[in-house]
N, C-alpha and C. Protein backbone atom coordinates (compact mmCIF):
# COMPACT_ATOMS: atom_id res chain seq x y z
N MET A 1 -4.24 0.55 -20.87
CA MET A 1 -4.25 0.96 -19.46
C MET A 1 -2.86 1.45 -19.07
N THR A 2 -2.79 2.69 -18.63
CA THR A 2 -1.54 3.24 -18.15
C THR A 2 -1.69 3.54 -16.66
N VAL A 3 -1.11 2.66 -15.86
CA VAL A 3 -1.16 2.82 -14.41
C VAL A 3 0.16 3.42 -13.97
N GLU A 4 0.07 4.46 -13.15
CA GLU A 4 1.26 5.11 -12.62
C GLU A 4 1.09 5.32 -11.12
N ILE A 5 2.21 5.52 -10.45
CA ILE A 5 2.19 5.90 -9.04
C ILE A 5 2.99 7.19 -8.90
N ARG A 6 2.60 7.98 -7.92
CA ARG A 6 3.35 9.21 -7.61
C ARG A 6 3.10 9.56 -6.15
N LEU A 7 3.98 10.40 -5.63
CA LEU A 7 3.84 10.86 -4.26
C LEU A 7 2.51 11.60 -4.10
N VAL A 8 1.80 11.31 -3.03
CA VAL A 8 0.55 12.01 -2.74
C VAL A 8 0.87 13.48 -2.47
N ALA A 9 -0.08 14.35 -2.74
CA ALA A 9 0.06 15.79 -2.48
C ALA A 9 -1.17 16.28 -1.75
N VAL A 10 -1.01 17.33 -0.96
CA VAL A 10 -2.14 17.92 -0.25
C VAL A 10 -3.23 18.32 -1.25
N GLU A 11 -2.82 18.71 -2.44
CA GLU A 11 -3.78 19.10 -3.49
C GLU A 11 -4.65 17.93 -3.95
N ASP A 12 -4.31 16.72 -3.57
CA ASP A 12 -5.10 15.54 -3.93
C ASP A 12 -6.26 15.30 -2.95
N THR A 13 -6.36 16.10 -1.92
CA THR A 13 -7.32 15.86 -0.85
C THR A 13 -8.75 15.67 -1.35
N ALA A 14 -9.25 16.57 -2.16
CA ALA A 14 -10.65 16.46 -2.61
C ALA A 14 -10.87 15.20 -3.43
N GLU A 15 -9.96 14.88 -4.33
CA GLU A 15 -10.12 13.69 -5.17
C GLU A 15 -10.05 12.41 -4.33
N ILE A 16 -9.12 12.37 -3.37
CA ILE A 16 -9.00 11.19 -2.50
C ILE A 16 -10.23 11.07 -1.61
N THR A 17 -10.71 12.19 -1.08
CA THR A 17 -11.91 12.16 -0.24
C THR A 17 -13.09 11.58 -1.01
N ALA A 18 -13.28 12.01 -2.24
CA ALA A 18 -14.38 11.49 -3.06
C ALA A 18 -14.21 9.99 -3.30
N LEU A 19 -12.98 9.54 -3.55
CA LEU A 19 -12.72 8.13 -3.80
C LEU A 19 -12.95 7.29 -2.53
N VAL A 20 -12.47 7.78 -1.40
CA VAL A 20 -12.67 7.09 -0.12
C VAL A 20 -14.17 7.00 0.19
N THR A 21 -14.89 8.09 -0.01
CA THR A 21 -16.33 8.12 0.27
C THR A 21 -17.07 7.11 -0.59
N SER A 22 -16.78 7.08 -1.87
CA SER A 22 -17.50 6.18 -2.79
C SER A 22 -17.10 4.71 -2.63
N ASN A 23 -16.01 4.44 -1.91
CA ASN A 23 -15.53 3.06 -1.75
C ASN A 23 -15.58 2.55 -0.31
N GLN A 24 -16.23 3.29 0.59
CA GLN A 24 -16.25 2.89 2.00
C GLN A 24 -16.79 1.48 2.19
N GLU A 25 -17.92 1.19 1.59
CA GLU A 25 -18.54 -0.13 1.76
C GLU A 25 -17.67 -1.22 1.13
N PHE A 26 -17.13 -0.97 -0.03
CA PHE A 26 -16.29 -1.92 -0.74
C PHE A 26 -15.03 -2.25 0.06
N LEU A 27 -14.42 -1.24 0.69
CA LEU A 27 -13.16 -1.44 1.41
C LEU A 27 -13.33 -1.92 2.85
N ALA A 28 -14.51 -1.76 3.42
CA ALA A 28 -14.75 -2.06 4.83
C ALA A 28 -14.29 -3.47 5.26
N PRO A 29 -14.51 -4.53 4.49
CA PRO A 29 -14.07 -5.85 4.94
C PRO A 29 -12.55 -6.02 5.00
N TRP A 30 -11.80 -5.10 4.40
CA TRP A 30 -10.35 -5.25 4.28
C TRP A 30 -9.57 -4.25 5.12
N GLU A 31 -10.28 -3.37 5.84
CA GLU A 31 -9.62 -2.29 6.56
C GLU A 31 -10.05 -2.27 8.03
N PRO A 32 -9.30 -1.52 8.86
CA PRO A 32 -9.75 -1.30 10.23
C PRO A 32 -11.09 -0.55 10.22
N VAL A 33 -11.82 -0.65 11.30
CA VAL A 33 -13.04 0.13 11.43
C VAL A 33 -12.63 1.60 11.45
N ARG A 34 -13.29 2.39 10.66
CA ARG A 34 -12.94 3.81 10.52
C ARG A 34 -13.89 4.68 11.34
N SER A 35 -13.39 5.83 11.76
CA SER A 35 -14.21 6.79 12.50
C SER A 35 -15.28 7.37 11.57
N ALA A 36 -16.30 7.94 12.17
CA ALA A 36 -17.41 8.51 11.39
C ALA A 36 -16.94 9.62 10.46
N ASP A 37 -15.88 10.34 10.85
CA ASP A 37 -15.40 11.44 10.02
C ASP A 37 -14.24 11.05 9.11
N TYR A 38 -13.93 9.77 9.00
CA TYR A 38 -12.79 9.31 8.21
C TYR A 38 -12.87 9.81 6.77
N ALA A 39 -14.03 9.77 6.17
CA ALA A 39 -14.20 10.16 4.77
C ALA A 39 -14.40 11.66 4.58
N SER A 40 -14.17 12.43 5.63
CA SER A 40 -14.30 13.88 5.48
C SER A 40 -13.03 14.47 4.86
N GLU A 41 -13.20 15.59 4.23
CA GLU A 41 -12.04 16.25 3.61
C GLU A 41 -11.02 16.66 4.67
N ALA A 42 -11.47 17.10 5.82
CA ALA A 42 -10.55 17.52 6.88
C ALA A 42 -9.69 16.34 7.35
N THR A 43 -10.32 15.19 7.55
CA THR A 43 -9.57 14.02 8.00
C THR A 43 -8.61 13.54 6.93
N GLN A 44 -9.05 13.49 5.69
CA GLN A 44 -8.17 13.05 4.61
C GLN A 44 -6.99 14.01 4.45
N ARG A 45 -7.24 15.30 4.57
CA ARG A 45 -6.14 16.27 4.49
C ARG A 45 -5.13 16.02 5.60
N GLN A 46 -5.62 15.79 6.82
CA GLN A 46 -4.72 15.55 7.95
C GLN A 46 -3.92 14.27 7.74
N LEU A 47 -4.57 13.22 7.23
CA LEU A 47 -3.86 11.96 6.97
C LEU A 47 -2.77 12.16 5.92
N ILE A 48 -3.07 12.92 4.88
CA ILE A 48 -2.07 13.21 3.85
C ILE A 48 -0.91 14.01 4.44
N GLU A 49 -1.23 15.03 5.21
CA GLU A 49 -0.17 15.85 5.82
C GLU A 49 0.71 15.01 6.75
N ASP A 50 0.08 14.13 7.54
CA ASP A 50 0.84 13.25 8.44
C ASP A 50 1.74 12.31 7.64
N ALA A 51 1.20 11.75 6.55
CA ALA A 51 1.99 10.83 5.71
C ALA A 51 3.16 11.56 5.07
N LEU A 52 2.94 12.78 4.62
CA LEU A 52 4.04 13.55 4.02
C LEU A 52 5.10 13.93 5.06
N ALA A 53 4.68 14.13 6.30
CA ALA A 53 5.65 14.39 7.38
C ALA A 53 6.51 13.15 7.63
N ARG A 54 5.90 11.96 7.59
CA ARG A 54 6.67 10.72 7.74
C ARG A 54 7.61 10.54 6.55
N HIS A 55 7.15 10.94 5.37
CA HIS A 55 8.01 10.87 4.18
C HIS A 55 9.22 11.79 4.35
N ALA A 56 9.00 12.97 4.89
CA ALA A 56 10.09 13.94 5.06
C ALA A 56 11.19 13.42 5.97
N ILE A 57 10.84 12.55 6.92
CA ILE A 57 11.87 12.00 7.82
C ILE A 57 12.32 10.61 7.37
N GLY A 58 11.81 10.14 6.24
CA GLY A 58 12.30 8.90 5.66
C GLY A 58 11.66 7.62 6.16
N SER A 59 10.53 7.72 6.85
CA SER A 59 9.92 6.50 7.39
C SER A 59 8.74 5.99 6.58
N ALA A 60 8.36 6.70 5.51
CA ALA A 60 7.22 6.27 4.70
C ALA A 60 7.31 6.90 3.30
N VAL A 61 6.66 6.24 2.36
CA VAL A 61 6.52 6.77 1.00
C VAL A 61 5.04 6.66 0.65
N PRO A 62 4.27 7.73 0.87
CA PRO A 62 2.83 7.71 0.60
C PRO A 62 2.55 8.07 -0.86
N LEU A 63 1.90 7.16 -1.57
CA LEU A 63 1.70 7.32 -3.00
C LEU A 63 0.23 7.23 -3.37
N VAL A 64 -0.09 7.75 -4.53
CA VAL A 64 -1.41 7.53 -5.14
C VAL A 64 -1.20 6.68 -6.38
N ILE A 65 -2.24 5.92 -6.71
CA ILE A 65 -2.27 5.13 -7.94
C ILE A 65 -3.15 5.90 -8.91
N THR A 66 -2.63 6.14 -10.11
CA THR A 66 -3.42 6.85 -11.10
C THR A 66 -3.57 6.01 -12.37
N GLU A 67 -4.67 6.24 -13.03
CA GLU A 67 -4.90 5.68 -14.36
C GLU A 67 -5.51 6.80 -15.19
N ALA A 68 -4.93 7.06 -16.34
CA ALA A 68 -5.38 8.15 -17.22
C ALA A 68 -5.47 9.47 -16.46
N GLY A 69 -4.54 9.69 -15.52
CA GLY A 69 -4.48 10.94 -14.79
C GLY A 69 -5.39 11.06 -13.59
N SER A 70 -6.29 10.11 -13.38
CA SER A 70 -7.20 10.14 -12.23
C SER A 70 -6.71 9.21 -11.13
N ILE A 71 -6.90 9.64 -9.89
CA ILE A 71 -6.52 8.79 -8.75
C ILE A 71 -7.54 7.66 -8.62
N VAL A 72 -7.03 6.42 -8.58
CA VAL A 72 -7.89 5.24 -8.49
C VAL A 72 -7.56 4.39 -7.27
N GLY A 73 -6.60 4.82 -6.45
CA GLY A 73 -6.26 4.07 -5.25
C GLY A 73 -5.05 4.67 -4.56
N ARG A 74 -4.63 3.99 -3.51
CA ARG A 74 -3.46 4.42 -2.73
C ARG A 74 -2.53 3.23 -2.58
N ILE A 75 -1.25 3.52 -2.48
CA ILE A 75 -0.23 2.51 -2.21
C ILE A 75 0.86 3.18 -1.38
N ASN A 76 1.32 2.50 -0.37
CA ASN A 76 2.27 3.10 0.56
C ASN A 76 3.37 2.12 0.94
N LEU A 77 4.56 2.65 1.10
CA LEU A 77 5.65 1.94 1.76
C LEU A 77 5.71 2.55 3.16
N ASN A 78 5.40 1.76 4.17
CA ASN A 78 5.33 2.24 5.54
C ASN A 78 6.39 1.57 6.41
N ASP A 79 6.60 2.13 7.56
CA ASP A 79 7.50 1.55 8.56
C ASP A 79 8.87 1.25 7.97
N ILE A 80 9.42 2.18 7.22
CA ILE A 80 10.74 1.98 6.63
C ILE A 80 11.77 1.95 7.75
N VAL A 81 12.56 0.91 7.75
CA VAL A 81 13.63 0.75 8.73
C VAL A 81 14.94 0.67 7.96
N ARG A 82 15.88 1.46 8.35
CA ARG A 82 17.19 1.48 7.69
C ARG A 82 18.17 0.60 8.46
N GLY A 83 19.43 0.93 8.46
CA GLY A 83 20.43 0.14 9.15
C GLY A 83 20.59 -1.22 8.49
N ALA A 84 20.73 -2.25 9.28
CA ALA A 84 20.94 -3.60 8.75
C ALA A 84 19.69 -4.21 8.13
N PHE A 85 18.51 -3.62 8.40
CA PHE A 85 17.25 -4.21 7.95
C PHE A 85 16.85 -3.76 6.54
N GLN A 86 16.88 -2.47 6.26
CA GLN A 86 16.54 -1.91 4.95
C GLN A 86 15.23 -2.48 4.41
N SER A 87 14.16 -2.29 5.18
CA SER A 87 12.90 -2.94 4.89
C SER A 87 11.72 -1.98 5.03
N ALA A 88 10.59 -2.36 4.42
CA ALA A 88 9.36 -1.58 4.54
C ALA A 88 8.16 -2.50 4.42
N HIS A 89 7.03 -2.04 4.92
CA HIS A 89 5.75 -2.73 4.74
C HIS A 89 5.00 -2.06 3.60
N LEU A 90 4.38 -2.87 2.77
CA LEU A 90 3.61 -2.38 1.63
C LEU A 90 2.13 -2.53 1.93
N GLY A 91 1.38 -1.49 1.66
CA GLY A 91 -0.07 -1.54 1.78
C GLY A 91 -0.69 -0.83 0.59
N TYR A 92 -1.84 -1.30 0.14
CA TYR A 92 -2.47 -0.69 -1.03
C TYR A 92 -3.95 -1.00 -1.08
N TRP A 93 -4.67 -0.19 -1.84
CA TRP A 93 -6.06 -0.47 -2.18
C TRP A 93 -6.37 0.21 -3.51
N VAL A 94 -7.31 -0.38 -4.22
CA VAL A 94 -7.76 0.14 -5.51
C VAL A 94 -9.27 0.25 -5.44
N SER A 95 -9.83 1.28 -6.06
CA SER A 95 -11.27 1.49 -6.04
C SER A 95 -12.01 0.30 -6.66
N GLN A 96 -13.23 0.14 -6.27
CA GLN A 96 -14.05 -0.97 -6.76
C GLN A 96 -14.14 -0.95 -8.29
N ASP A 97 -14.26 0.23 -8.87
CA ASP A 97 -14.37 0.36 -10.33
C ASP A 97 -13.12 -0.11 -11.07
N HIS A 98 -11.98 -0.12 -10.39
CA HIS A 98 -10.72 -0.50 -11.01
C HIS A 98 -10.19 -1.83 -10.49
N ASN A 99 -10.95 -2.47 -9.65
CA ASN A 99 -10.55 -3.74 -9.05
C ASN A 99 -10.64 -4.86 -10.09
N GLY A 100 -9.67 -5.78 -10.05
CA GLY A 100 -9.71 -6.95 -10.92
C GLY A 100 -9.30 -6.69 -12.36
N ARG A 101 -8.66 -5.54 -12.60
CA ARG A 101 -8.26 -5.19 -13.97
C ARG A 101 -6.75 -5.07 -14.14
N GLY A 102 -5.98 -5.50 -13.15
CA GLY A 102 -4.53 -5.42 -13.25
C GLY A 102 -3.93 -4.13 -12.71
N VAL A 103 -4.77 -3.24 -12.22
CA VAL A 103 -4.29 -1.95 -11.71
C VAL A 103 -3.41 -2.17 -10.47
N ALA A 104 -3.87 -2.96 -9.52
CA ALA A 104 -3.09 -3.21 -8.31
C ALA A 104 -1.78 -3.92 -8.65
N THR A 105 -1.83 -4.87 -9.57
CA THR A 105 -0.61 -5.59 -9.96
C THR A 105 0.42 -4.62 -10.52
N ALA A 106 -0.02 -3.74 -11.40
CA ALA A 106 0.90 -2.75 -11.99
C ALA A 106 1.43 -1.78 -10.93
N ALA A 107 0.56 -1.33 -10.03
CA ALA A 107 0.97 -0.37 -9.00
C ALA A 107 1.96 -1.00 -8.03
N VAL A 108 1.71 -2.24 -7.62
CA VAL A 108 2.64 -2.93 -6.72
C VAL A 108 3.99 -3.10 -7.41
N GLY A 109 3.98 -3.47 -8.68
CA GLY A 109 5.23 -3.60 -9.42
C GLY A 109 6.02 -2.30 -9.43
N ALA A 110 5.33 -1.20 -9.67
CA ALA A 110 5.98 0.11 -9.69
C ALA A 110 6.50 0.50 -8.31
N ALA A 111 5.73 0.19 -7.27
CA ALA A 111 6.15 0.53 -5.90
C ALA A 111 7.37 -0.29 -5.48
N VAL A 112 7.40 -1.55 -5.87
CA VAL A 112 8.56 -2.40 -5.54
C VAL A 112 9.79 -1.90 -6.28
N GLU A 113 9.63 -1.53 -7.53
CA GLU A 113 10.75 -0.97 -8.30
C GLU A 113 11.27 0.30 -7.63
N LEU A 114 10.38 1.15 -7.17
CA LEU A 114 10.76 2.37 -6.46
C LEU A 114 11.49 2.03 -5.16
N ALA A 115 10.96 1.06 -4.43
CA ALA A 115 11.56 0.67 -3.15
C ALA A 115 12.98 0.16 -3.33
N PHE A 116 13.18 -0.69 -4.32
CA PHE A 116 14.50 -1.28 -4.53
C PHE A 116 15.44 -0.36 -5.29
N GLY A 117 14.89 0.51 -6.10
CA GLY A 117 15.71 1.44 -6.88
C GLY A 117 16.00 2.71 -6.10
N HIS A 118 15.10 3.66 -6.19
CA HIS A 118 15.31 4.98 -5.59
C HIS A 118 15.58 4.92 -4.08
N TYR A 119 14.83 4.08 -3.37
CA TYR A 119 14.97 4.04 -1.91
C TYR A 119 15.98 2.99 -1.42
N ALA A 120 16.53 2.21 -2.33
CA ALA A 120 17.60 1.24 -2.02
C ALA A 120 17.25 0.30 -0.86
N LEU A 121 16.00 -0.12 -0.80
CA LEU A 121 15.60 -1.08 0.24
C LEU A 121 16.00 -2.49 -0.19
N HIS A 122 16.15 -3.35 0.78
CA HIS A 122 16.51 -4.74 0.53
C HIS A 122 15.27 -5.64 0.51
N ARG A 123 14.25 -5.26 1.27
CA ARG A 123 13.11 -6.15 1.49
C ARG A 123 11.83 -5.33 1.59
N VAL A 124 10.76 -5.87 1.00
CA VAL A 124 9.42 -5.30 1.14
C VAL A 124 8.51 -6.42 1.60
N GLN A 125 7.75 -6.16 2.65
CA GLN A 125 6.83 -7.15 3.22
C GLN A 125 5.40 -6.67 3.06
N ALA A 126 4.49 -7.62 2.86
CA ALA A 126 3.06 -7.31 2.79
C ALA A 126 2.28 -8.43 3.45
N GLY A 127 1.14 -8.10 4.01
CA GLY A 127 0.26 -9.10 4.61
C GLY A 127 -1.11 -9.04 3.98
N THR A 128 -1.76 -10.21 3.88
CA THR A 128 -3.12 -10.27 3.37
C THR A 128 -3.98 -11.10 4.31
N LEU A 129 -5.24 -10.76 4.36
CA LEU A 129 -6.18 -11.62 5.07
C LEU A 129 -6.18 -12.98 4.39
N LEU A 130 -6.45 -14.03 5.16
CA LEU A 130 -6.41 -15.39 4.61
C LEU A 130 -7.34 -15.56 3.42
N HIS A 131 -8.49 -14.90 3.45
CA HIS A 131 -9.48 -15.08 2.39
C HIS A 131 -9.35 -14.05 1.26
N ASN A 132 -8.29 -13.24 1.28
CA ASN A 132 -8.11 -12.23 0.23
C ASN A 132 -7.25 -12.81 -0.91
N ARG A 133 -7.87 -13.66 -1.69
CA ARG A 133 -7.15 -14.33 -2.78
C ARG A 133 -6.64 -13.35 -3.83
N GLY A 134 -7.42 -12.32 -4.10
CA GLY A 134 -7.02 -11.33 -5.09
C GLY A 134 -5.71 -10.65 -4.72
N SER A 135 -5.59 -10.24 -3.46
CA SER A 135 -4.38 -9.57 -3.01
C SER A 135 -3.19 -10.54 -3.03
N ARG A 136 -3.43 -11.78 -2.66
CA ARG A 136 -2.36 -12.79 -2.75
C ARG A 136 -1.85 -12.92 -4.17
N ARG A 137 -2.77 -12.96 -5.14
CA ARG A 137 -2.37 -13.08 -6.55
C ARG A 137 -1.57 -11.86 -6.99
N VAL A 138 -1.97 -10.67 -6.56
CA VAL A 138 -1.23 -9.45 -6.91
C VAL A 138 0.21 -9.56 -6.42
N LEU A 139 0.37 -9.98 -5.18
CA LEU A 139 1.72 -10.09 -4.61
C LEU A 139 2.53 -11.18 -5.33
N GLN A 140 1.92 -12.33 -5.55
CA GLN A 140 2.63 -13.42 -6.22
C GLN A 140 3.05 -13.04 -7.63
N ARG A 141 2.20 -12.32 -8.35
CA ARG A 141 2.54 -11.88 -9.71
C ARG A 141 3.72 -10.91 -9.69
N ASN A 142 3.97 -10.30 -8.56
CA ASN A 142 5.09 -9.37 -8.42
C ASN A 142 6.28 -9.98 -7.71
N GLY A 143 6.35 -11.30 -7.67
CA GLY A 143 7.53 -11.97 -7.15
C GLY A 143 7.62 -12.10 -5.65
N PHE A 144 6.53 -11.80 -4.94
CA PHE A 144 6.52 -11.98 -3.48
C PHE A 144 6.35 -13.47 -3.16
N THR A 145 7.00 -13.92 -2.10
CA THR A 145 6.84 -15.29 -1.64
C THR A 145 6.24 -15.29 -0.24
N GLU A 146 5.43 -16.29 0.01
CA GLU A 146 4.80 -16.42 1.32
C GLU A 146 5.86 -16.83 2.34
N ILE A 147 5.87 -16.13 3.48
CA ILE A 147 6.86 -16.44 4.51
C ILE A 147 6.23 -16.91 5.82
N GLY A 148 4.91 -16.93 5.88
CA GLY A 148 4.29 -17.43 7.10
C GLY A 148 2.89 -16.90 7.34
N ARG A 149 2.35 -17.39 8.41
CA ARG A 149 1.02 -17.00 8.85
C ARG A 149 1.15 -16.31 10.20
N ALA A 150 0.54 -15.14 10.31
CA ALA A 150 0.59 -14.38 11.56
C ALA A 150 -0.79 -14.39 12.21
N PRO A 151 -0.94 -15.15 13.31
CA PRO A 151 -2.23 -15.21 13.99
C PRO A 151 -2.61 -13.85 14.60
N ARG A 152 -3.89 -13.49 14.42
CA ARG A 152 -4.43 -12.27 15.02
C ARG A 152 -3.52 -11.07 14.77
N TYR A 153 -3.09 -10.90 13.55
CA TYR A 153 -2.06 -9.94 13.15
C TYR A 153 -2.55 -8.49 13.18
N LEU A 154 -3.72 -8.24 12.58
CA LEU A 154 -4.27 -6.89 12.53
C LEU A 154 -5.76 -6.92 12.85
N LYS A 155 -6.23 -5.82 13.43
CA LYS A 155 -7.66 -5.70 13.72
C LYS A 155 -8.33 -5.10 12.49
N ILE A 156 -8.95 -5.98 11.70
CA ILE A 156 -9.58 -5.61 10.44
C ILE A 156 -11.08 -5.86 10.56
N ALA A 157 -11.88 -4.93 10.10
CA ALA A 157 -13.34 -5.03 10.16
C ALA A 157 -13.81 -5.34 11.58
N GLY A 158 -13.09 -4.79 12.57
CA GLY A 158 -13.48 -4.93 13.96
C GLY A 158 -13.03 -6.20 14.65
N GLU A 159 -12.29 -7.06 13.96
CA GLU A 159 -11.84 -8.32 14.58
C GLU A 159 -10.36 -8.54 14.33
N TRP A 160 -9.67 -9.10 15.33
CA TRP A 160 -8.28 -9.48 15.14
C TRP A 160 -8.27 -10.67 14.18
N GLN A 161 -7.60 -10.49 13.05
CA GLN A 161 -7.64 -11.52 12.02
C GLN A 161 -6.25 -12.00 11.63
N ASP A 162 -6.18 -13.30 11.33
CA ASP A 162 -4.94 -13.90 10.85
C ASP A 162 -4.60 -13.34 9.47
N HIS A 163 -3.32 -13.26 9.19
CA HIS A 163 -2.83 -12.79 7.89
C HIS A 163 -1.76 -13.74 7.37
N LEU A 164 -1.67 -13.84 6.06
CA LEU A 164 -0.53 -14.48 5.42
C LEU A 164 0.48 -13.38 5.14
N LEU A 165 1.74 -13.64 5.47
CA LEU A 165 2.79 -12.66 5.26
C LEU A 165 3.61 -13.05 4.03
N PHE A 166 3.95 -12.03 3.24
CA PHE A 166 4.73 -12.21 2.03
C PHE A 166 5.90 -11.24 2.06
N GLN A 167 6.95 -11.61 1.35
CA GLN A 167 8.08 -10.69 1.21
C GLN A 167 8.66 -10.80 -0.19
N ARG A 168 9.31 -9.74 -0.56
CA ARG A 168 10.12 -9.77 -1.78
C ARG A 168 11.46 -9.16 -1.42
N ILE A 169 12.49 -9.85 -1.80
CA ILE A 169 13.85 -9.39 -1.55
C ILE A 169 14.37 -8.76 -2.85
N SER A 170 15.13 -7.70 -2.71
CA SER A 170 15.67 -7.01 -3.87
C SER A 170 16.47 -7.97 -4.75
N ASP A 171 16.26 -7.85 -6.04
CA ASP A 171 17.04 -8.63 -7.00
C ASP A 171 18.45 -8.09 -7.14
N GLN A 172 18.65 -6.90 -6.65
CA GLN A 172 19.98 -6.27 -6.74
C GLN A 172 20.84 -6.79 -5.61
N ARG A 173 21.91 -7.46 -5.97
CA ARG A 173 22.83 -8.00 -4.97
C ARG A 173 24.13 -7.20 -4.99
N VAL A 174 24.69 -6.98 -3.82
CA VAL A 174 25.97 -6.30 -3.72
C VAL A 174 27.04 -7.37 -3.64
N SER A 175 27.96 -7.31 -4.53
CA SER A 175 29.04 -8.30 -4.57
C SER A 175 30.00 -8.06 -3.41
N SER A 176 30.42 -9.15 -2.79
CA SER A 176 31.38 -9.02 -1.68
C SER A 176 32.82 -9.09 -2.19
N ALA A 177 32.98 -9.33 -3.48
CA ALA A 177 34.35 -9.45 -4.04
C ALA A 177 34.98 -8.12 -4.29
């Protein structure tokens, strides 16, 4: 299994649309309620263009997860804050066909390496629903530690739901000497 991540491109629209369409039911319990046209090519293209615009100003890193050259999911560093914080939020999903095979673990590892290396961030935070044990394991396998519980954190599947929050701090330390 060769899992890679790369910056999303507008040319990925058709492949991502097909993946989103085929995984709507699988992803529904873990995502916000989506509009009726969410899985359309026009909406996916607009979402990609918006994400790339945020990337251009340095506030996001929108990525695709690939295995054997095919897109199998998405992973993003969002809400990048510079200055004294140097932090981002991590979000990801993997298609049902690739779920439970280590793909998310490998992709999160690569995204964290990118965040701490190329983007020189200090901290990456991620949240999971309380009952999402799989996502918790992915984060823990990548060195994330639980930092708390956020009541009614995000509106997922139509309801405000509690989340467990995790963070990973960069292993790269700047010496003060």
